[in-house]
Amino acid sequence: MKLKQRVVLLAILLVIFIFTKVFLIDNLDTSAANREDQRAFQRMLSGLRVALDPRLEHTLQSPWEIAAQWVVPREVYPEDTPELGAVMHAMTTKKIIKADVGYKGTQLKALLILEGGQKVVFKPKRYARDYIVEGEPYAGYDRHNAEVAAFHLDRILGFRRAPLVVGRFVNLRTEIKPVATEQLLGTFMTVGNNTCFYGKCYYCRETEPACADGDIMEGSVTLWLPDVWPLQKHRHPWGRTYREGKLARWEYDESYCDAVKKTSPYDSGPRLLDIIDTAIFDYLIGNADRHHYESFQDDEGASMLILLDNAKSFGNPALDERSILAPLYQCCIIRVSTWNRLNYLKNGVLKSALKTAMSHDPISPVLSDPHLDALDQRLLSILATVKQCTDQFGPDVVLVEDRMTLSHL
């Protein structure tokens, strides 16, 4: 064989070797990542059931100090949280030392300060578990039980971007009124034999109070994020206009995602993939009301999209509002880790996992069976949407590897 032919052959063999090596390394990396996703899923399942136990072992810190230390730019709480039950027990039992009207917003809520100085947001019960909210997908009052269910779904999906929420019963006469500010106290009234209040918010009306059963009111409490992590509000790029006959651009422009990708903070970093994750989360819970979202301040797009205010969810189990998934089917990208987790939750696993996760909550049962069944059906729709994307663009384009090393130092 001539020297020139040998050189060409060696060059061809070298190229084949390099491509083979790269292919094998990629496959090994992908396989290792998939195995870690599987292990993380099993760890999540084993820790689903959270007993509300006041004991805090191996620490002299308060539950509030522990929860505050959990928060980092990409997580509200870590994967391994043996103290979670103790923190949630404190949220549902600690003495209320002050009660005030809620922060700005459209829906009724109260801002409570618990013993030890911890702020929580109290959302009162407005509907029975089997009540169906008719009309637009964002219609109706806030649902307190939806906040509880959404928090546990956040745990199951492995996002860990929702503040802690737990159900709580409060005695309005003995626990709230004695420590209420004048502004809140002025909204209390008695309807029949029930103590009621209507608070202060955009849609709060004296004619539409929330009423206790006698003096005992069921609600949810959401743990206030630490003040050292101030929030920044953003307009959601797939927000609705809330005006009859007026469509947002994304509702008629199929190439809308291309425009979003050219706009900060969606042109780089994790934010666009967070939007996709949030669309999946919101579709599962039936939340079509995320017109804005919060991240941590001065994050330059690196912070997570925080899953706050999930109460406009679980209103109608028969309504699957596909437009909530617009970020997914218009952008046709999804994190590999999210895709893997969704597949692990097929065949009734999601319903079973959520039911287990909520079983120890003080207001259990948190959801009616039709809402739990709807979750499994909506999951199938999400998987089918991703399948359409991979059929059109290929899995290498649609499935995006985006894993971040998280620190809880």
Protein backbone atom coordinates (compact mmCIF):
# COMPACT_ATOMS: atom_id res chain seq x y z
CA MET A 1 0.00 0.00 0.00
CA LYS A 2 1.36 3.37 -0.94
CA LEU A 3 2.27 5.88 1.75
CA LYS A 4 -0.46 8.29 0.63
CA GLN A 5 -3.11 5.55 0.88
CA ARG A 6 -1.87 4.53 4.33
CA VAL A 7 -2.11 8.14 5.54
CA VAL A 8 -5.66 8.45 4.21
CA LEU A 9 -6.66 5.16 5.83
CA LEU A 10 -5.13 6.19 9.15
CA ALA A 11 -6.95 9.52 8.96
CA ILE A 12 -10.27 7.74 8.32
CA LEU A 13 -9.64 5.34 11.21
CA LEU A 14 -8.75 8.26 13.47
CA VAL A 15 -11.99 10.08 12.61
CA ILE A 16 -14.00 6.90 13.23
CA PHE A 17 -12.22 6.41 16.57
CA ILE A 18 -12.90 10.00 17.68
CA PHE A 19 -16.59 9.85 16.73
CA THR A 20 -16.98 6.44 18.40
CA LYS A 21 -15.35 7.73 21.57
CA VAL A 22 -17.51 10.85 21.63
CA PHE A 23 -20.64 8.76 20.98
CA LEU A 24 -19.78 6.32 23.77
CA ILE A 25 -18.96 9.12 26.23
CA ASP A 26 -22.21 10.90 25.39
CA ASN A 27 -24.15 7.69 25.85
CA LEU A 28 -22.36 6.94 29.11
CA ASP A 29 -23.05 10.47 30.37
CA THR A 30 -26.70 10.23 29.35
CA SER A 31 -27.04 6.80 30.90
CA ALA A 32 -25.42 8.01 34.14
CA ALA A 33 -27.74 11.03 34.21
CA ASN A 34 -30.77 8.81 33.65
CA ARG A 35 -29.67 6.50 36.45
CA GLU A 36 -29.31 9.47 38.79
CA ASP A 37 -32.80 10.66 37.78
CA GLN A 38 -34.13 7.21 38.64
CA ARG A 39 -32.36 7.23 42.01
CA ALA A 40 -33.67 10.73 42.76
CA PHE A 41 -37.19 9.55 41.92
CA GLN A 42 -36.90 6.61 44.30
CA ARG A 43 -35.58 8.90 47.05
CA MET A 44 -38.56 11.19 46.50
CA LEU A 45 -41.01 8.30 46.77
CA SER A 46 -39.42 7.02 49.98
CA GLY A 47 -39.69 10.44 51.62
CA LEU A 48 -43.18 11.37 50.41
CA ARG A 49 -45.09 10.84 53.61
CA VAL A 50 -44.30 13.74 55.96
CA ALA A 51 -45.38 13.20 59.56
CA LEU A 52 -45.94 16.51 61.36
CA ASP A 53 -43.57 15.86 64.27
CA PRO A 54 -42.33 18.73 66.49
CA ARG A 55 -39.01 17.06 67.28
CA LEU A 56 -35.88 18.67 65.87
CA GLU A 57 -32.94 16.36 66.53
CA HIS A 58 -29.24 17.29 66.41
CA THR A 59 -29.87 21.03 66.29
CA LEU A 60 -30.54 23.97 68.61
CA GLN A 61 -32.00 26.04 65.77
CA SER A 62 -35.64 26.99 65.51
CA PRO A 63 -37.76 25.58 62.67
CA TRP A 64 -37.81 29.06 61.11
CA GLU A 65 -34.00 29.29 61.08
CA ILE A 66 -33.74 25.86 59.47
CA ALA A 67 -36.24 26.70 56.72
CA ALA A 68 -34.52 30.03 56.03
CA GLN A 69 -31.17 28.30 55.55
CA TRP A 70 -32.66 25.94 52.99
CA VAL A 71 -33.26 28.72 50.46
CA VAL A 72 -30.71 29.08 47.64
CA PRO A 73 -31.03 30.65 44.18
CA ARG A 74 -32.33 27.45 42.57
CA GLU A 75 -34.28 25.80 45.42
CA VAL A 76 -36.64 26.80 48.23
CA TYR A 77 -35.88 23.57 50.09
CA PRO A 78 -33.34 20.78 49.46
CA GLU A 79 -34.01 17.24 48.32
CA ASP A 80 -33.12 15.78 51.71
CA THR A 81 -35.25 17.47 54.38
CA PRO A 82 -35.56 15.35 57.53
CA GLU A 83 -36.71 18.48 59.39
CA LEU A 84 -39.59 19.17 56.97
CA GLY A 85 -42.18 17.60 59.27
CA ALA A 86 -41.02 19.72 62.22
CA VAL A 87 -41.16 22.95 60.21
CA MET A 88 -44.65 22.16 58.92
CA HIS A 89 -45.77 21.17 62.43
CA ALA A 90 -44.64 24.58 63.65
CA MET A 91 -46.53 26.27 60.81
CA THR A 92 -49.77 24.60 61.82
CA THR A 93 -49.44 24.83 65.64
CA LYS A 94 -47.32 27.83 66.68
CA LYS A 95 -49.18 30.62 68.46
CA ILE A 96 -50.36 33.51 66.28
CA ILE A 97 -48.98 36.74 67.77
CA LYS A 98 -50.23 39.18 65.13
CA ALA A 99 -52.79 39.16 62.29
CA ASP A 100 -53.08 41.75 59.55
CA VAL A 101 -54.65 42.19 56.12
CA GLY A 102 -52.80 40.40 53.34
CA TYR A 103 -50.18 41.91 51.06
CA LYS A 104 -51.26 43.46 47.77
CA GLY A 105 -53.30 41.23 45.50
CA THR A 106 -56.73 40.46 44.12
CA GLN A 107 -57.78 37.70 46.53
CA LEU A 108 -58.63 37.48 50.24
CA LYS A 109 -55.77 36.49 52.52
CA ALA A 110 -54.37 37.41 55.94
CA LEU A 111 -50.77 37.95 56.97
CA LEU A 112 -50.04 36.17 60.24
CA ILE A 113 -46.95 36.36 62.43
CA LEU A 114 -46.30 33.20 64.40
CA GLU A 115 -44.42 32.80 67.66
CA GLY A 116 -40.74 33.29 66.89
CA GLY A 117 -41.44 36.07 64.39
CA GLN A 118 -42.18 33.95 61.33
CA LYS A 119 -44.56 35.40 58.74
CA VAL A 120 -47.08 33.13 57.01
CA VAL A 121 -49.89 33.85 54.55
CA PHE A 122 -53.28 32.46 55.57
CA LYS A 123 -55.81 31.69 52.82
CA PRO A 124 -59.30 30.78 54.06
CA LYS A 125 -61.54 27.99 52.83
CA ARG A 126 -64.12 29.25 50.35
CA TYR A 127 -65.40 26.04 48.72
CA ALA A 128 -66.27 22.47 49.69
CA ARG A 129 -63.90 19.84 48.26
CA ASP A 130 -66.37 18.65 45.62
CA TYR A 131 -67.37 22.15 44.43
CA ILE A 132 -66.85 22.70 40.69
CA VAL A 133 -65.75 26.19 39.65
CA GLU A 134 -67.49 26.89 36.35
CA GLY A 135 -66.57 29.46 33.72
CA GLU A 136 -63.12 30.67 32.67
CA PRO A 137 -60.15 28.57 33.83
CA TYR A 138 -59.10 31.45 36.13
CA ALA A 139 -62.60 32.01 37.59
CA GLY A 140 -63.62 31.86 41.22
CA TYR A 141 -62.05 32.55 44.60
CA ASP A 142 -58.64 31.27 45.63
CA ARG A 143 -58.70 27.63 46.75
CA HIS A 144 -56.71 27.11 49.97
CA ASN A 145 -56.46 23.36 49.41
CA ALA A 146 -54.96 24.00 45.97
CA GLU A 147 -51.99 25.67 47.67
CA VAL A 148 -51.41 22.57 49.79
CA ALA A 149 -51.72 20.19 46.82
CA ALA A 150 -49.49 22.35 44.59
CA PHE A 151 -46.70 22.36 47.19
CA HIS A 152 -46.67 18.57 47.35
CA LEU A 153 -46.80 18.29 43.55
CA ASP A 154 -43.72 20.54 43.47
CA ARG A 155 -41.99 18.00 45.72
CA ILE A 156 -43.07 15.09 43.53
CA LEU A 157 -41.86 16.74 40.31
CA GLY A 158 -38.50 17.44 41.93
CA PHE A 159 -38.65 21.18 41.20
CA ARG A 160 -38.48 22.35 44.85
CA ARG A 161 -39.46 25.90 43.81
CA ALA A 162 -42.68 26.34 45.83
CA PRO A 163 -42.71 27.78 49.37
CA LEU A 164 -43.82 25.40 52.10
CA VAL A 165 -47.60 25.13 52.58
CA VAL A 166 -49.66 23.23 55.13
CA GLY A 167 -53.30 23.22 56.17
CA ARG A 168 -54.34 24.79 59.47
CA PHE A 169 -57.51 25.31 61.50
CA VAL A 170 -57.72 28.64 63.34
CA ASN A 171 -60.21 29.93 65.87
CA LEU A 172 -61.09 33.38 64.58
CA ARG A 173 -62.54 34.51 67.93
CA THR A 174 -59.70 33.40 70.23
CA GLU A 175 -56.63 33.22 67.95
CA ILE A 176 -57.14 35.99 65.37
CA LYS A 177 -59.35 38.79 66.71
CA PRO A 178 -57.34 39.43 69.93
CA VAL A 179 -54.14 40.03 67.89
CA ALA A 180 -55.68 41.54 64.74
CA THR A 181 -54.78 45.01 63.50
CA GLU A 182 -57.58 47.57 63.35
CA GLN A 183 -57.56 47.31 59.57
CA LEU A 184 -58.25 43.56 59.65
CA LEU A 185 -60.54 43.69 62.68
CA GLY A 186 -62.76 46.21 60.90
CA THR A 187 -63.64 43.58 58.29
CA PHE A 188 -65.00 41.00 60.77
CA MET A 189 -68.71 40.27 60.95
CA THR A 190 -71.13 37.59 62.08
CA VAL A 191 -73.32 35.78 59.58
CA GLY A 192 -75.82 33.57 61.37
CA ASN A 193 -73.76 31.75 64.00
CA ASN A 194 -70.53 31.98 61.99
CA THR A 195 -67.63 34.40 62.39
CA CYS A 196 -66.57 35.88 59.04
CA PHE A 197 -64.13 38.41 57.60
CA TYR A 198 -63.62 39.95 54.17
CA GLY A 199 -60.17 41.50 54.51
CA LYS A 200 -58.68 44.00 52.12
CA CYS A 201 -57.81 43.23 48.50
CA TYR A 202 -58.80 44.25 44.98
CA TYR A 203 -61.82 41.92 44.86
CA CYS A 204 -62.58 41.87 48.61
CA ARG A 205 -66.18 42.84 49.31
CA GLU A 206 -68.23 43.09 52.49
CA THR A 207 -70.93 41.17 50.63
CA GLU A 208 -68.55 38.24 49.97
CA PRO A 209 -66.85 37.36 53.27
CA ALA A 210 -65.11 34.09 54.10
CA CYS A 211 -66.94 32.40 56.97
CA ALA A 212 -65.82 29.94 59.60
CA ASP A 213 -67.79 26.98 60.84
CA GLY A 214 -68.84 28.75 64.01
CA ASP A 215 -65.49 30.23 65.05
CA ILE A 216 -63.24 27.56 63.50
CA MET A 217 -61.93 28.38 60.05
CA GLU A 218 -60.07 25.95 57.79
CA GLY A 219 -57.30 27.38 55.65
CA SER A 220 -53.76 27.06 54.38
CA VAL A 221 -50.59 28.73 55.63
CA THR A 222 -47.71 29.49 53.28
CA LEU A 223 -44.26 30.10 54.73
CA TRP A 224 -42.95 33.58 53.94
CA LEU A 225 -39.59 33.51 52.17
CA PRO A 226 -36.67 35.01 54.14
CA ASP A 227 -36.28 38.78 53.87
CA VAL A 228 -32.65 38.30 52.81
CA TRP A 229 -34.06 36.94 49.54
CA PRO A 230 -36.09 39.88 48.15
CA LEU A 231 -38.32 39.06 45.21
CA GLN A 232 -38.51 40.60 41.77
CA LYS A 233 -41.77 40.49 39.81
CA HIS A 234 -41.83 39.76 36.06
CA ARG A 235 -44.58 39.81 33.49
CA HIS A 236 -45.08 36.26 32.23
CA PRO A 237 -44.32 36.14 28.48
CA TRP A 238 -47.34 33.84 28.02
CA GLY A 239 -49.68 35.91 30.19
CA ARG A 240 -53.32 36.44 29.22
CA THR A 241 -54.95 39.79 28.46
CA TYR A 242 -58.06 39.04 30.57
CA ARG A 243 -60.01 41.13 28.07
CA GLU A 244 -62.83 39.64 26.07
CA GLY A 245 -62.06 39.70 22.36
CA LYS A 246 -58.42 40.74 22.82
CA LEU A 247 -55.80 38.06 22.32
CA ALA A 248 -52.23 38.10 23.55
CA ARG A 249 -49.61 37.68 20.83
CA TRP A 250 -48.81 34.11 21.83
CA GLU A 251 -52.46 33.15 21.22
CA TYR A 252 -52.25 33.85 17.48
CA ASP A 253 -48.52 33.87 16.61
CA GLU A 254 -47.18 30.31 16.32
CA SER A 255 -43.60 31.64 16.03
CA TYR A 256 -43.95 33.62 19.26
CA CYS A 257 -41.36 31.51 21.08
CA ASP A 258 -38.68 32.60 18.58
CA ALA A 259 -39.29 36.20 19.64
CA VAL A 260 -39.16 35.26 23.34
CA LYS A 261 -35.81 33.52 22.83
CA LYS A 262 -34.32 36.81 21.65
CA THR A 263 -35.42 38.66 24.80
CA SER A 264 -33.60 38.77 28.14
CA PRO A 265 -33.66 36.76 30.40
CA TYR A 266 -34.94 34.05 28.04
CA ASP A 267 -32.07 34.36 25.54
CA SER A 268 -29.64 32.58 27.89
CA GLY A 269 -29.57 30.79 31.22
CA PRO A 270 -32.25 28.57 32.75
CA ARG A 271 -35.26 30.91 32.74
CA LEU A 272 -36.95 29.70 29.54
CA LEU A 273 -36.69 26.09 30.69
CA ASP A 274 -38.16 27.20 34.03
CA ILE A 275 -41.09 28.68 32.08
CA ILE A 276 -41.56 25.29 30.39
CA ASP A 277 -41.43 23.46 33.74
CA THR A 278 -43.95 25.92 35.16
CA ALA A 279 -46.31 25.42 32.20
CA ILE A 280 -46.25 21.68 32.89
CA PHE A 281 -46.84 22.26 36.60
CA ASP A 282 -49.69 24.70 35.92
CA TYR A 283 -51.34 22.43 33.37
CA LEU A 284 -51.36 19.56 35.84
CA ILE A 285 -53.04 21.66 38.53
CA GLY A 286 -55.26 23.60 36.11
CA ASN A 287 -53.77 27.03 36.87
CA ALA A 288 -54.39 29.44 33.98
CA ASP A 289 -53.77 32.54 36.08
CA ARG A 290 -49.97 32.97 36.12
CA HIS A 291 -49.90 36.40 34.51
CA HIS A 292 -46.76 37.38 36.46
CA TYR A 293 -44.08 35.41 38.26
CA GLU A 294 -41.35 36.08 40.83
CA SER A 295 -37.65 35.37 40.96
CA PHE A 296 -35.01 36.57 43.38
CA GLN A 297 -33.78 40.12 42.81
CA ASP A 298 -30.64 40.99 40.83
CA ASP A 299 -30.35 37.42 39.60
CA GLU A 300 -29.52 38.26 35.95
CA GLY A 301 -31.78 35.37 34.93
CA ALA A 302 -29.97 32.73 37.00
CA SER A 303 -32.54 32.44 39.80
CA MET A 304 -35.39 29.97 39.62
CA LEU A 305 -38.92 30.94 38.72
CA ILE A 306 -40.56 30.69 42.15
CA LEU A 307 -43.90 28.85 42.18
CA LEU A 308 -45.88 31.33 44.27
CA ASP A 309 -49.66 31.80 44.43
CA ASN A 310 -51.04 28.51 43.13
CA ALA A 311 -54.53 28.92 44.59
CA LYS A 312 -56.35 29.42 41.26
CA SER A 313 -55.96 25.68 40.70
CA PHE A 314 -58.00 22.48 41.04
CA GLY A 315 -61.21 24.34 40.18
CA ASN A 316 -62.74 22.05 37.56
CA PRO A 317 -61.39 18.51 37.10
CA ALA A 318 -63.23 18.16 33.77
CA LEU A 319 -61.54 21.23 32.25
CA ASP A 320 -58.15 20.64 30.61
CA GLU A 321 -57.05 24.10 29.48
CA ARG A 322 -54.52 23.21 26.79
CA SER A 323 -53.43 26.82 26.28
CA ILE A 324 -51.56 26.60 29.60
CA LEU A 325 -49.10 24.34 27.76
CA ALA A 326 -48.38 26.96 25.07
CA PRO A 327 -44.75 27.50 26.17
CA LEU A 328 -44.15 23.75 25.77
CA TYR A 329 -45.80 23.19 22.39
CA GLN A 330 -44.60 26.49 20.89
CA CYS A 331 -40.96 26.20 22.03
CA CYS A 332 -40.82 22.39 21.85
CA ILE A 333 -38.08 22.06 24.46
CA ILE A 334 -38.07 20.39 27.87
CA ARG A 335 -35.42 19.48 30.43
CA VAL A 336 -34.31 15.85 30.23
CA SER A 337 -34.70 15.59 34.02
CA THR A 338 -38.30 16.85 33.80
CA TRP A 339 -39.06 14.48 30.92
CA ASN A 340 -37.66 11.53 32.88
CA ARG A 341 -39.63 12.45 36.00
CA LEU A 342 -42.90 12.73 34.05
CA ASN A 343 -42.36 9.29 32.55
CA TYR A 344 -41.70 7.77 35.97
CA LEU A 345 -45.07 9.16 37.11
CA LYS A 346 -47.16 7.39 34.45
CA ASN A 347 -49.65 4.59 35.02
CA GLY A 348 -51.29 6.04 38.12
CA VAL A 349 -48.06 6.73 40.01
CA LEU A 350 -48.68 10.49 40.07
CA LYS A 351 -52.12 10.18 41.64
CA SER A 352 -50.90 7.69 44.19
CA ALA A 353 -47.82 9.75 45.06
CA LEU A 354 -49.79 12.97 45.59
CA LYS A 355 -52.41 11.21 47.68
CA THR A 356 -49.66 9.75 49.87
CA ALA A 357 -47.82 13.08 50.17
CA MET A 358 -50.96 14.89 51.37
CA SER A 359 -52.21 12.16 53.69
CA HIS A 360 -50.75 13.67 56.89
CA ASP A 361 -51.93 17.20 56.26
CA PRO A 362 -54.29 18.54 58.97
CA ILE A 363 -56.98 19.30 56.35
CA SER A 364 -56.74 15.89 54.65
CA PRO A 365 -58.34 14.78 52.37
CA VAL A 366 -56.94 17.76 50.48
CA LEU A 367 -58.39 16.94 47.03
CA SER A 368 -61.44 15.06 45.82
CA ASP A 369 -60.91 11.92 43.72
CA PRO A 370 -61.97 13.58 40.43
CA HIS A 371 -59.10 16.09 40.79
CA LEU A 372 -56.62 13.29 41.49
CA ASP A 373 -57.87 11.36 38.45
CA ALA A 374 -57.55 14.50 36.31
CA LEU A 375 -53.83 14.73 37.16
CA ASP A 376 -53.13 11.34 35.56
CA GLN A 377 -55.10 12.27 32.44
CA ARG A 378 -53.32 15.61 32.07
CA LEU A 379 -49.97 13.88 32.46
CA LEU A 380 -50.77 11.76 29.40
CA SER A 381 -51.56 14.94 27.44
CA ILE A 382 -48.18 16.43 28.39
CA LEU A 383 -46.33 13.29 27.32
CA ALA A 384 -48.23 13.27 24.02
CA THR A 385 -47.31 16.91 23.42
CA VAL A 386 -43.62 16.20 23.93
CA LYS A 387 -43.92 13.17 21.62
CA GLN A 388 -45.33 15.42 18.89
CA CYS A 389 -42.35 17.72 19.34
CA THR A 390 -39.79 14.91 19.17
CA ASP A 391 -41.50 13.47 16.08
CA GLN A 392 -41.24 16.85 14.39
CA PHE A 393 -37.82 18.07 15.54
CA GLY A 394 -36.07 15.01 16.96
CA PRO A 395 -35.19 14.22 20.59
CA ASP A 396 -31.75 15.87 20.34
CA VAL A 397 -33.43 19.24 19.80
CA VAL A 398 -36.38 18.83 22.15
CA LEU A 399 -34.76 17.15 25.18
CA VAL A 400 -32.37 19.67 26.73
CA GLU A 401 -29.74 18.65 29.26
CA ASP A 402 -29.75 21.37 31.92
CA ARG A 403 -28.53 20.19 35.28
CA MET A 404 -27.16 22.59 37.87
CA THR A 405 -25.02 21.82 40.88
CA LEU A 406 -26.92 23.16 43.87
CA SER A 407 -25.26 24.34 47.04
CA HIS A 408 -26.74 24.43 50.53
CA LEU A 409 -23.66 25.75 52.31
